[in-house]
Protein backbone atom coordinates (compact mmCIF):
# COMPACT_ATOMS: atom_id res chain seq x y z
CA MET A 1 20.63 -27.76 -63.07
CA LEU A 2 21.17 -27.47 -66.82
CA LEU A 3 19.76 -30.98 -67.23
CA ALA A 4 16.69 -29.93 -65.23
CA GLY A 5 16.19 -26.93 -67.49
CA ALA A 6 16.65 -29.05 -70.61
CA ALA A 7 14.15 -31.56 -69.25
CA CYS A 8 11.61 -28.77 -68.71
CA LEU A 9 12.06 -27.70 -72.31
CA GLY A 10 12.03 -31.22 -73.71
CA CYS A 11 8.90 -32.24 -71.80
CA GLY A 12 7.01 -29.16 -72.91
CA LEU A 13 6.79 -27.62 -69.44
CA LEU A 14 8.75 -24.64 -70.76
CA PRO A 15 6.99 -23.42 -73.91
CA TRP A 16 9.27 -22.80 -76.90
CA PRO A 17 8.11 -19.19 -77.41
CA ALA A 18 8.96 -18.44 -73.77
CA PHE A 19 12.33 -20.16 -74.21
CA GLY A 20 13.02 -18.06 -77.32
CA GLU A 21 12.33 -14.83 -75.45
CA LEU A 22 14.47 -16.03 -72.54
CA ALA A 23 17.38 -16.93 -74.84
CA GLY A 24 17.22 -13.59 -76.62
CA ARG A 25 17.54 -11.81 -73.30
CA THR A 26 20.08 -14.01 -71.51
CA VAL A 27 22.52 -15.24 -74.19
CA PRO A 28 24.22 -11.79 -74.45
CA VAL A 29 24.50 -11.71 -70.65
CA LEU A 30 26.15 -15.13 -70.55
CA ALA A 31 28.45 -14.14 -73.43
CA PHE A 32 29.55 -11.13 -71.39
CA VAL A 33 30.26 -13.37 -68.39
CA VAL A 34 32.45 -15.65 -70.51
CA ALA A 35 34.37 -12.77 -72.09
CA MET A 36 34.98 -10.98 -68.78
CA THR A 37 36.14 -14.22 -67.18
CA VAL A 38 38.74 -14.64 -69.94
CA VAL A 39 39.89 -11.01 -69.59
CA THR A 40 40.27 -11.12 -65.81
CA GLU A 41 41.88 -14.58 -65.74
CA LEU A 42 44.49 -13.55 -68.30
CA ALA A 43 45.11 -10.25 -66.51
CA ASP A 44 45.64 -12.19 -63.30
CA TYR A 45 48.04 -14.58 -65.06
CA ALA A 46 49.99 -11.56 -66.31
CA GLY A 47 50.38 -10.45 -62.67
CA LEU A 48 48.27 -7.31 -62.87
CA PHE A 49 46.46 -7.80 -59.56
CA ARG A 50 49.71 -8.63 -57.76
CA VAL A 51 51.30 -5.47 -59.14
CA VAL A 52 48.31 -3.43 -57.93
CA THR A 53 48.54 -4.85 -54.40
CA ASP A 54 52.30 -4.22 -54.36
CA ARG A 55 51.59 -0.58 -55.18
CA LEU A 56 48.93 -0.42 -52.47
CA SER A 57 51.38 -1.86 -49.97
CA GLY A 58 53.84 0.89 -50.84
CA LEU A 59 51.20 3.60 -50.69
CA GLY A 60 50.17 2.37 -47.25
CA ARG A 61 53.58 3.48 -45.91
CA GLY A 62 53.50 0.86 -43.18
CA ASN A 63 50.14 2.00 -41.74
CA VAL A 64 47.77 -0.98 -41.35
CA PHE A 65 44.61 1.12 -41.27
CA LEU A 66 45.61 3.00 -44.42
CA LEU A 67 46.41 -0.27 -46.17
CA TRP A 68 42.96 -1.60 -45.22
CA LEU A 69 41.32 1.51 -46.69
CA PHE A 70 43.17 0.88 -49.94
CA VAL A 71 41.94 -2.73 -49.90
CA LEU A 72 38.38 -1.45 -49.48
CA GLY A 73 38.91 0.82 -52.46
CA LEU A 74 40.38 -1.96 -54.60
CA SER A 75 37.53 -4.33 -53.70
CA SER A 76 34.92 -1.67 -54.47
CA VAL A 77 36.41 -0.70 -57.84
CA ALA A 78 36.97 -4.32 -58.89
CA THR A 79 33.39 -5.19 -57.95
CA ALA A 80 31.81 -2.17 -59.60
CA PHE A 81 33.67 -2.44 -62.91
CA LEU A 82 34.72 -6.11 -63.17
CA SER A 83 31.96 -7.90 -61.19
CA LEU A 84 31.66 -9.34 -57.71
CA ASP A 85 33.04 -12.72 -58.83
CA THR A 86 36.29 -11.05 -59.90
CA THR A 87 36.69 -9.62 -56.41
CA ALA A 88 35.89 -12.95 -54.77
CA VAL A 89 38.16 -15.05 -57.00
CA LEU A 90 41.07 -12.81 -57.97
CA VAL A 91 41.29 -9.95 -55.46
CA THR A 92 40.78 -12.10 -52.34
CA PRO A 93 43.92 -14.26 -52.71
CA VAL A 94 46.32 -11.40 -53.36
CA VAL A 95 44.83 -9.32 -50.53
CA VAL A 96 44.96 -12.19 -48.03
CA LEU A 97 48.54 -13.06 -48.99
CA LEU A 98 49.46 -9.39 -48.66
CA ALA A 99 48.15 -9.39 -45.09
CA VAL A 100 49.88 -12.69 -44.24
CA HIS A 101 53.24 -11.51 -45.55
CA ALA A 102 52.85 -8.23 -43.66
CA LYS A 103 52.09 -10.20 -40.47
CA ILE A 104 48.63 -8.59 -40.24
CA PRO A 105 45.61 -10.71 -39.17
CA PRO A 106 44.13 -11.69 -42.55
CA LEU A 107 40.49 -12.15 -41.48
CA PRO A 108 39.50 -8.43 -41.66
CA PHE A 109 40.92 -8.26 -45.18
CA ALA A 110 39.22 -11.49 -46.25
CA LEU A 111 35.84 -10.39 -44.90
CA SER A 112 36.26 -6.98 -46.52
CA THR A 113 36.59 -8.54 -49.96
CA VAL A 114 33.57 -10.85 -49.66
CA TRP A 115 31.27 -8.29 -48.04
CA LEU A 116 32.12 -5.61 -50.59
CA ALA A 117 31.95 -8.12 -53.43
CA ASN A 118 28.26 -8.38 -52.58
CA THR A 119 27.35 -4.97 -51.22
CA ALA A 120 29.42 -2.90 -53.68
CA SER A 121 27.68 -4.57 -56.62
CA LEU A 122 24.77 -2.12 -56.78
CA LEU A 123 26.26 0.74 -58.79
CA LEU A 124 26.67 -0.44 -62.39
CA PRO A 125 25.03 -3.08 -64.60
CA VAL A 126 28.33 -4.97 -65.01
CA SER A 127 28.80 -5.28 -61.25
CA ASN A 128 26.44 -8.23 -60.91
CA LEU A 129 24.59 -10.62 -63.18
CA THR A 130 21.35 -9.58 -61.48
CA ASN A 131 22.07 -5.97 -62.50
CA LEU A 132 22.51 -6.93 -66.15
CA LEU A 133 19.17 -8.71 -66.08
CA ALA A 134 17.56 -5.72 -64.38
CA GLN A 135 19.09 -3.29 -66.90
CA SER A 136 17.62 -5.22 -69.81
CA HIS A 137 14.27 -5.43 -68.01
CA MET A 138 14.18 -1.66 -67.37
CA SER A 139 15.86 -0.64 -70.66
CA LEU A 140 18.18 1.75 -68.84
CA SER A 141 21.57 3.00 -70.00
CA PRO A 142 24.53 2.33 -67.67
CA LEU A 143 24.40 5.97 -66.54
CA GLY A 144 20.64 5.75 -66.03
CA PHE A 145 21.15 2.64 -63.95
CA ALA A 146 23.84 4.37 -61.87
CA LYS A 147 21.56 7.40 -61.39
CA LEU A 148 18.89 5.10 -59.99
CA MET A 149 21.21 3.10 -57.72
CA TRP A 150 23.99 5.48 -56.63
CA ALA A 151 22.50 6.32 -53.22
CA PRO A 152 21.88 2.72 -52.07
CA ALA A 153 25.26 1.81 -53.55
CA ALA A 154 26.89 4.38 -51.25
CA VAL A 155 25.11 2.81 -48.27
CA GLY A 156 26.31 -0.61 -49.44
CA LEU A 157 29.88 0.66 -49.20
CA LEU A 158 29.77 2.72 -46.03
CA VAL A 159 27.74 0.55 -43.65
CA PRO A 160 29.76 -2.68 -44.10
CA ALA A 161 33.01 -0.70 -43.92
CA LEU A 162 31.99 0.96 -40.65
CA LEU A 163 30.90 -2.36 -39.14
CA LEU A 164 34.17 -4.01 -40.17
CA LEU A 165 36.08 -1.14 -38.58
CA LEU A 166 34.12 -1.49 -35.33
CA ALA A 167 34.62 -5.25 -35.25
CA PHE A 168 38.33 -5.27 -36.13
CA HIS A 169 39.62 -1.90 -34.95
CA ARG A 170 42.30 -3.55 -32.81
CA ASP A 171 43.61 -5.65 -35.71
CA LEU A 172 43.73 -2.59 -37.94
CA ARG A 173 46.03 -0.63 -35.67
CA GLY A 174 49.80 -0.52 -35.83
CA ARG A 175 52.33 -0.78 -38.60
CA TYR A 176 53.76 -3.32 -41.01
CA GLY A 177 57.22 -3.64 -42.48
CA PRO A 178 58.33 -3.19 -46.10
CA GLN A 179 56.99 -5.89 -48.40
CA PRO A 180 59.09 -7.54 -51.09
CA ALA A 181 57.71 -6.91 -54.57
CA HIS A 182 56.65 -9.89 -56.65
CA ALA A 183 59.08 -11.00 -59.32
CA ALA A 184 58.25 -9.41 -62.64
CA GLY A 185 56.81 -11.72 -65.29
CA ASP A 186 56.42 -10.96 -68.96
CA PRO A 187 56.25 -7.15 -69.20
CA THR A 188 54.50 -7.33 -72.58
CA LEU A 189 51.65 -9.38 -71.12
CA LEU A 190 51.44 -7.07 -68.13
CA ARG A 191 51.27 -3.94 -70.27
CA ALA A 192 48.76 -5.51 -72.64
CA SER A 193 46.51 -6.54 -69.74
CA ALA A 194 46.69 -3.14 -68.05
CA GLY A 195 46.03 -1.31 -71.30
CA THR A 196 43.11 -3.58 -72.14
CA LEU A 197 41.43 -2.91 -68.82
CA LEU A 198 42.03 0.83 -69.09
CA VAL A 199 40.21 0.86 -72.43
CA LEU A 200 37.56 -1.67 -71.41
CA LEU A 201 36.33 -0.03 -68.20
CA PRO A 202 34.96 3.16 -69.80
CA ALA A 203 33.60 1.10 -72.71
CA LEU A 204 31.52 -0.95 -70.28
CA VAL A 205 29.65 2.17 -69.14
CA SER A 206 29.47 3.84 -72.55
CA GLY A 207 26.06 2.46 -73.46
CA ILE A 208 27.41 -0.04 -75.99
CA PRO A 209 26.03 -3.55 -75.27
CA VAL A 210 28.56 -4.79 -72.75
CA ALA A 211 29.11 -8.13 -74.48
CA VAL A 212 30.69 -6.29 -77.45
CA PRO A 213 33.64 -4.51 -75.74
CA ALA A 214 34.14 -7.49 -73.41
CA ALA A 215 34.38 -9.86 -76.39
CA LEU A 216 36.79 -7.54 -78.21
CA ALA A 217 38.96 -7.25 -75.09
CA ALA A 218 38.97 -11.02 -74.62
CA GLY A 219 39.85 -11.59 -78.27
CA PHE A 220 42.73 -9.10 -78.10
CA LEU A 221 44.23 -10.65 -74.95
CA VAL A 222 43.86 -14.17 -76.33
CA ALA A 223 45.76 -13.07 -79.44
CA VAL A 224 48.53 -11.52 -77.33
CA PHE A 225 48.81 -14.65 -75.20
CA LEU A 226 48.87 -16.87 -78.31
CA TRP A 227 51.88 -14.85 -79.37
CA ARG A 228 53.68 -14.63 -76.04
CA ARG A 229 52.45 -17.47 -73.82
CA PRO A 230 50.11 -19.94 -75.56
CA ALA A 231 50.45 -22.47 -72.72
CA ALA A 232 48.50 -20.07 -70.47
CA LEU A 233 45.39 -20.50 -72.62
CA ARG A 234 43.37 -23.44 -71.36
CA TRP A 235 39.74 -24.47 -71.49
CA SER A 236 39.58 -24.65 -67.70
CA MET A 237 39.67 -20.83 -67.45
CA LEU A 238 36.14 -20.73 -68.86
CA PRO A 239 33.45 -20.77 -66.14
CA TRP A 240 31.77 -24.00 -67.25
CA ARG A 241 30.07 -24.91 -63.99
CA PRO A 242 28.66 -21.42 -63.24
CA LEU A 243 27.48 -21.14 -66.85
CA MET A 244 25.62 -24.46 -66.74
CA LEU A 245 24.16 -23.62 -63.34
CA THR A 246 23.05 -20.18 -64.50
CA ALA A 247 21.55 -21.38 -67.78
CA GLY A 248 19.67 -24.10 -65.93
CA LEU A 249 18.35 -21.65 -63.36
CA PHE A 250 17.12 -19.35 -66.12
CA MET A 251 15.15 -22.19 -67.68
CA VAL A 252 13.76 -23.63 -64.45
CA VAL A 253 12.55 -20.28 -63.12
CA GLU A 254 11.04 -19.39 -66.51
CA THR A 255 9.20 -22.72 -66.42
CA LEU A 256 7.81 -21.87 -62.99
CA HIS A 257 6.69 -18.47 -64.25
CA SER A 258 4.88 -20.21 -67.10
CA HIS A 259 2.94 -22.18 -64.49
CA GLY A 260 1.84 -19.44 -62.09
CA LEU A 261 4.88 -18.42 -60.05
CA THR A 262 4.26 -14.71 -60.65
CA GLU A 263 0.68 -14.92 -59.38
CA ALA A 264 1.80 -16.90 -56.32
CA LEU A 265 4.47 -14.35 -55.32
CA ALA A 266 2.46 -11.19 -56.00
CA PRO A 267 0.67 -11.06 -52.59
CA ALA A 268 3.94 -11.38 -50.68
CA ALA A 269 5.77 -8.83 -52.84
CA GLY A 270 3.12 -6.09 -52.67
CA ALA A 271 2.73 -3.45 -55.34
CA GLY A 272 3.37 0.06 -53.97
CA GLU A 273 6.30 2.46 -54.08
CA THR A 274 6.17 3.88 -50.57
CA PHE A 275 9.14 3.25 -48.29
CA PRO A 276 7.39 0.34 -46.45
CA ASP A 277 6.42 -1.22 -49.79
CA LEU A 278 9.97 -1.00 -51.11
CA LEU A 279 11.42 -2.33 -47.86
CA ARG A 280 8.99 -5.24 -47.98
CA LEU A 281 10.16 -6.22 -51.48
CA ALA A 282 13.84 -5.79 -50.60
CA ALA A 283 13.45 -7.93 -47.47
CA LEU A 284 11.69 -10.61 -49.49
CA GLY A 285 14.55 -10.57 -52.00
CA ALA A 286 17.18 -10.82 -49.25
CA ALA A 287 15.37 -13.69 -47.51
CA SER A 288 14.90 -15.55 -50.81
CA ALA A 289 18.58 -15.09 -51.71
CA ASN A 290 19.73 -16.52 -48.38
CA ILE A 291 17.32 -19.44 -48.63
CA ALA A 292 18.19 -20.31 -52.22
CA ASN A 293 20.57 -17.99 -54.10
CA ASN A 294 20.44 -14.40 -55.28
CA LEU A 295 20.07 -15.25 -58.97
CA PRO A 296 16.92 -17.42 -58.74
CA ALA A 297 15.60 -14.99 -56.12
CA TYR A 298 15.88 -12.12 -58.59
CA LEU A 299 14.46 -14.11 -61.49
CA ALA A 300 11.50 -15.25 -59.42
CA LEU A 301 10.64 -11.78 -58.14
CA GLU A 302 11.42 -9.62 -61.19
CA PRO A 303 7.92 -9.94 -62.74
CA VAL A 304 6.27 -8.75 -59.51
CA ALA A 305 8.66 -5.82 -59.12
CA GLY A 306 7.27 -3.81 -62.02
CA SER A 307 8.58 -0.23 -61.93
CA PRO A 308 12.26 0.78 -61.98
CA LEU A 309 12.03 1.93 -58.37
CA ARG A 310 10.70 -1.44 -57.26
CA VAL A 311 13.31 -3.26 -59.34
CA GLY A 312 15.92 -1.14 -57.55
CA ALA A 313 14.53 -2.25 -54.19
CA LEU A 314 14.67 -5.87 -55.33
CA LEU A 315 18.30 -5.43 -56.37
CA ILE A 316 19.11 -4.07 -52.92
CA GLY A 317 17.64 -7.23 -51.44
CA VAL A 318 19.37 -9.74 -53.70
CA ASN A 319 22.73 -7.91 -53.93
CA LEU A 320 23.19 -6.45 -50.47
CA GLY A 321 21.29 -9.23 -48.67
CA PRO A 322 23.45 -12.30 -49.45
CA LEU A 323 25.75 -11.96 -46.44
CA ILE A 324 24.21 -14.60 -44.21
CA SER A 325 24.20 -18.06 -45.82
CA PRO A 326 27.27 -19.30 -47.73
CA TRP A 327 25.18 -20.23 -50.77
CA ALA A 328 23.35 -16.89 -51.02
CA SER A 329 25.66 -15.79 -53.84
CA LEU A 330 28.10 -17.63 -56.05
CA ALA A 331 30.75 -15.06 -55.13
CA THR A 332 30.66 -16.18 -51.48
CA LEU A 333 31.15 -19.82 -52.44
CA LEU A 334 34.04 -18.93 -54.75
CA TRP A 335 35.55 -16.75 -52.01
CA HIS A 336 35.41 -19.65 -49.56
CA GLU A 337 37.14 -21.96 -52.05
CA ARG A 338 39.98 -19.47 -52.38
CA LEU A 339 40.33 -19.16 -48.61
CA GLN A 340 40.51 -22.93 -48.26
CA SER A 341 43.33 -23.05 -50.81
CA LEU A 342 45.15 -20.49 -48.62
CA ASN A 343 44.50 -22.52 -45.43
CA LEU A 344 42.41 -19.74 -43.93
CA ARG A 345 39.32 -21.04 -42.17
CA VAL A 346 36.08 -19.16 -41.63
CA ARG A 347 33.45 -20.22 -39.10
CA TRP A 348 30.12 -20.12 -40.88
CA GLY A 349 28.22 -19.52 -37.64
CA GLY A 350 30.12 -16.31 -36.94
CA PHE A 351 29.94 -15.35 -40.60
CA ALA A 352 26.15 -15.71 -40.56
CA VAL A 353 25.68 -13.70 -37.36
CA ALA A 354 27.91 -10.85 -38.56
CA GLY A 355 26.20 -10.90 -41.94
CA LEU A 356 22.75 -10.82 -40.36
CA VAL A 357 23.65 -7.76 -38.29
CA THR A 358 25.00 -6.03 -41.40
CA VAL A 359 21.92 -6.82 -43.48
CA VAL A 360 19.52 -5.73 -40.73
CA LEU A 361 21.29 -2.36 -40.49
CA ALA A 362 22.18 -1.75 -44.13
CA LEU A 363 19.06 -2.97 -45.93
CA PRO A 364 16.59 -0.38 -44.53
CA LEU A 365 19.13 2.41 -44.95
CA ALA A 366 19.80 1.43 -48.57
CA VAL A 367 16.08 1.26 -49.35
CA LEU A 368 15.58 4.64 -47.66
CA ALA A 369 18.41 6.07 -49.78
CA LEU A 370 16.77 4.67 -52.92
CA TRP A 371 13.40 6.16 -51.94
CA LEU A 372 14.79 9.57 -51.00
CA GLY A 373 17.15 9.69 -53.97
CA ASN A 374 14.36 9.09 -56.48
CA GLY A 375 11.67 11.51 -55.52
CA MET A 376 9.84 9.89 -52.60
CA PRO A 377 6.83 8.78 -54.64
């Protein structure tokens, strides 16, 4: 995809002024993605996520349902503050292994992480790459963004959780035995990782450009690891493939916009801010995400969204909607890779049907919450 974008630029299909504007907007976003990937990968290497799940297992006191609620909370917090990809890649394995070791059916826990990785990514700009793009488009502070999206974000948490409970209520009954704690690694690395995240999380919602605190956090942890465990630092921890894919998508979609994509999509997207108008845009975003992917779907439809309220509806579609096809979001693909490494199989047919039911129920409710929560224009 990066080669396709470079070809568009080299052949003159993507004008240089448009490319300059695109780079000015997206390079800080991609820098944030790189920095956060380094932070979360090093924190995972230090054992932070395993320690958290050990604590959750103890707090569950042998009650499977209570443990599942804690997993929902962990998935939601990780998604909101560290991004949906963090939940898919780092939270999923430790949660699934926790269930396996406790002799609990792992599928409800695995589905909880991937559903909430997508649907819990509406609250903050850092939760999803689409949100960061929308924040820059709307020029909102993190708190302003949260004020706009808090009501649909609540729907994105509650509806999937209730549907999971209905579907797996039998598996979530009963008790589990005491779980052995993971062997402690380097306590200095663990403390440094925990302290870094405790400082970083409020900084990400402070209004400072998010690439700045993320880069400082990544630099600090790299320095600590150079001191304590330099062998843990490797180029493979950087998200090369997602970065090249994302950069290429930015360029290709911008090329299409330069050649009439906005005008072509405008009739389908509508222009109003009534509830039916917002639902129409959100449904278009969800359908586009499941046909292609949520990132190009957002990029294609952003120019026809216009107002903050309509951008919010689009975010509902492209964030909450990708529960049907496996390629609808990168987080789902990464989640599936992790499950395969754990020898846990998911049937895509059942996944799609369950996701479709969830989207059909949650999407209108989330759009209604957005509309009611922002003045019913």
